[in-house]
């Protein structure tokens, strides 16, 4: 079975490495246009983007901040698919 995302734009949150990077790679290999999201790891996002075939762009936003999310959304033309891979971690002492 061939999966083809030609003409589709995919926003992958938390895409600066690891699972997010692999998700970007899979969609790019299926001809999707990738939006690589990161919060703090710009270098990782740039490395993810550099490894992709096809069209891609990088966006930065702190997804825990509604104003930054709104700004990010407004900066994008079209998003057909969102993969919410970003994670927020709060550490507490036991």
C-alpha atoms as a PDB file:
ATOM      1  CA  UNK A   1       0.000   0.000   0.000  1.00  0.00           C
ATOM      2  CA  UNK A   2       1.356   3.410  -0.976  1.00  0.00           C
ATOM      3  CA  UNK A   3       0.598   6.377   1.249  1.00  0.00           C
ATOM      4  CA  UNK A   4       0.879   9.753  -0.445  1.00  0.00           C
ATOM      5  CA  UNK A   5       0.557  13.112   1.309  1.00  0.00           C
ATOM      6  CA  UNK A   6       1.228  15.209  -1.797  1.00  0.00           C
ATOM      7  CA  UNK A   7      -0.466  18.580  -1.374  1.00  0.00           C
ATOM      8  CA  UNK A   8      -0.861  18.140   2.388  1.00  0.00           C
ATOM      9  CA  UNK A   9       0.866  20.244   5.029  1.00  0.00           C
ATOM     10  CA  UNK A  10       1.676  18.523   8.303  1.00  0.00           C
ATOM     11  CA  UNK A  11       2.515  20.364  11.536  1.00  0.00           C
ATOM     12  CA  UNK A  12       4.545  18.166  13.876  1.00  0.00           C
ATOM     13  CA  UNK A  13       4.934  19.621  17.356  1.00  0.00           C
ATOM     14  CA  UNK A  14       7.990  18.698  19.390  1.00  0.00           C
ATOM     15  CA  UNK A  15       9.869  17.894  16.201  1.00  0.00           C
ATOM     16  CA  UNK A  16      13.390  18.875  17.242  1.00  0.00           C
ATOM     17  CA  UNK A  17      14.551  15.273  17.517  1.00  0.00           C
ATOM     18  CA  UNK A  18      13.714  11.740  18.541  1.00  0.00           C
ATOM     19  CA  UNK A  19      10.156  10.652  17.838  1.00  0.00           C
ATOM     20  CA  UNK A  20       9.166  14.047  16.410  1.00  0.00           C
ATOM     21  CA  UNK A  21      12.021  13.945  13.936  1.00  0.00           C
ATOM     22  CA  UNK A  22      11.084  10.420  12.882  1.00  0.00           C
ATOM     23  CA  UNK A  23       7.459  11.482  12.378  1.00  0.00           C
ATOM     24  CA  UNK A  24       8.614  14.365  10.171  1.00  0.00           C
ATOM     25  CA  UNK A  25      10.784  11.980   8.180  1.00  0.00           C
ATOM     26  CA  UNK A  26       7.910   9.548   7.612  1.00  0.00           C
ATOM     27  CA  UNK A  27       5.565  12.272   6.351  1.00  0.00           C
ATOM     28  CA  UNK A  28       8.311  13.806   4.181  1.00  0.00           C
ATOM     29  CA  UNK A  29       9.007  10.403   2.624  1.00  0.00           C
ATOM     30  CA  UNK A  30       5.291  10.287   1.749  1.00  0.00           C
ATOM     31  CA  UNK A  31       5.606  13.644  -0.071  1.00  0.00           C
ATOM     32  CA  UNK A  32       4.075  15.839   2.635  1.00  0.00           C
ATOM     33  CA  UNK A  33       5.092  19.433   3.303  1.00  0.00           C
ATOM     34  CA  UNK A  34       6.418  19.502   6.858  1.00  0.00           C
ATOM     35  CA  UNK A  35       6.217  22.201   9.518  1.00  0.00           C
ATOM     36  CA  UNK A  36       8.886  21.401  12.115  1.00  0.00           C
ATOM     37  CA  UNK A  37       7.866  22.872  15.484  1.00  0.00           C
ATOM     38  CA  UNK A  38      10.188  23.410  18.431  1.00  0.00           C
ATOM     39  CA  UNK A  39      10.104  25.316  21.697  1.00  0.00           C
ATOM     40  CA  UNK A  40      13.716  25.628  22.878  1.00  0.00           C
ATOM     41  CA  UNK A  41      15.859  23.283  20.756  1.00  0.00           C
ATOM     42  CA  UNK A  42      16.375  25.328  17.576  1.00  0.00           C
ATOM     43  CA  UNK A  43      19.490  23.367  16.616  1.00  0.00           C
ATOM     44  CA  UNK A  44      17.554  20.107  16.807  1.00  0.00           C
ATOM     45  CA  UNK A  45      14.756  21.552  14.668  1.00  0.00           C
ATOM     46  CA  UNK A  46      17.295  22.724  12.090  1.00  0.00           C
ATOM     47  CA  UNK A  47      18.862  19.249  12.046  1.00  0.00           C
ATOM     48  CA  UNK A  48      15.435  17.673  11.588  1.00  0.00           C
ATOM     49  CA  UNK A  49      14.651  20.038   8.720  1.00  0.00           C
ATOM     50  CA  UNK A  50      18.031  19.410   7.066  1.00  0.00           C
ATOM     51  CA  UNK A  51      17.384  15.658   7.086  1.00  0.00           C
ATOM     52  CA  UNK A  52      14.036  15.945   5.294  1.00  0.00           C
ATOM     53  CA  UNK A  53      13.379  15.493   1.621  1.00  0.00           C
ATOM     54  CA  UNK A  54      10.933  17.939   0.071  1.00  0.00           C
ATOM     55  CA  UNK A  55       9.422  21.145   1.391  1.00  0.00           C
ATOM     56  CA  UNK A  56       9.598  22.106   5.047  1.00  0.00           C
ATOM     57  CA  UNK A  57       9.705  25.062   7.373  1.00  0.00           C
ATOM     58  CA  UNK A  58      10.501  25.635  11.043  1.00  0.00           C
ATOM     59  CA  UNK A  59       8.284  27.373  13.594  1.00  0.00           C
ATOM     60  CA  UNK A  60       8.931  28.164  17.251  1.00  0.00           C
ATOM     61  CA  UNK A  61       6.327  28.478  19.984  1.00  0.00           C
ATOM     62  CA  UNK A  62       5.882  27.657  23.646  1.00  0.00           C
ATOM     63  CA  UNK A  63       2.708  25.579  23.422  1.00  0.00           C
ATOM     64  CA  UNK A  64       1.898  26.273  27.069  1.00  0.00           C
ATOM     65  CA  UNK A  65       1.505  29.967  26.174  1.00  0.00           C
ATOM     66  CA  UNK A  66      -1.792  30.678  24.348  1.00  0.00           C
ATOM     67  CA  UNK A  67      -0.443  33.914  22.856  1.00  0.00           C
ATOM     68  CA  UNK A  68       2.536  32.124  21.298  1.00  0.00           C
ATOM     69  CA  UNK A  69       0.267  29.388  19.948  1.00  0.00           C
ATOM     70  CA  UNK A  70      -2.033  31.977  18.365  1.00  0.00           C
ATOM     71  CA  UNK A  71       0.944  33.789  16.845  1.00  0.00           C
ATOM     72  CA  UNK A  72       2.306  30.540  15.421  1.00  0.00           C
ATOM     73  CA  UNK A  73      -1.055  29.610  13.912  1.00  0.00           C
ATOM     74  CA  UNK A  74      -1.433  33.052  12.350  1.00  0.00           C
ATOM     75  CA  UNK A  75       2.020  32.724  10.742  1.00  0.00           C
ATOM     76  CA  UNK A  76       1.061  29.540   8.892  1.00  0.00           C
ATOM     77  CA  UNK A  77      -0.771  29.443   5.568  1.00  0.00           C
ATOM     78  CA  UNK A  78      -2.419  26.042   5.665  1.00  0.00           C
ATOM     79  CA  UNK A  79      -2.270  23.067   7.996  1.00  0.00           C
ATOM     80  CA  UNK A  80      -4.029  19.871   6.960  1.00  0.00           C
ATOM     81  CA  UNK A  81      -2.724  17.524   9.655  1.00  0.00           C
ATOM     82  CA  UNK A  82      -1.430  18.131  13.191  1.00  0.00           C
ATOM     83  CA  UNK A  83       0.650  15.575  15.066  1.00  0.00           C
ATOM     84  CA  UNK A  84       0.776  16.658  18.706  1.00  0.00           C
ATOM     85  CA  UNK A  85       4.092  15.172  19.755  1.00  0.00           C
ATOM     86  CA  UNK A  86       5.197  17.970  22.114  1.00  0.00           C
ATOM     87  CA  UNK A  87       5.379  17.174  25.800  1.00  0.00           C
ATOM     88  CA  UNK A  88       5.535  19.389  28.820  1.00  0.00           C
ATOM     89  CA  UNK A  89       7.318  18.149  31.896  1.00  0.00           C
ATOM     90  CA  UNK A  90       7.227  19.651  35.344  1.00  0.00           C
ATOM     91  CA  UNK A  91       9.646  18.264  37.888  1.00  0.00           C
ATOM     92  CA  UNK A  92       8.862  18.149  41.574  1.00  0.00           C
ATOM     93  CA  UNK A  93      10.780  16.818  44.531  1.00  0.00           C
ATOM     94  CA  UNK A  94       9.268  13.807  46.246  1.00  0.00           C
END
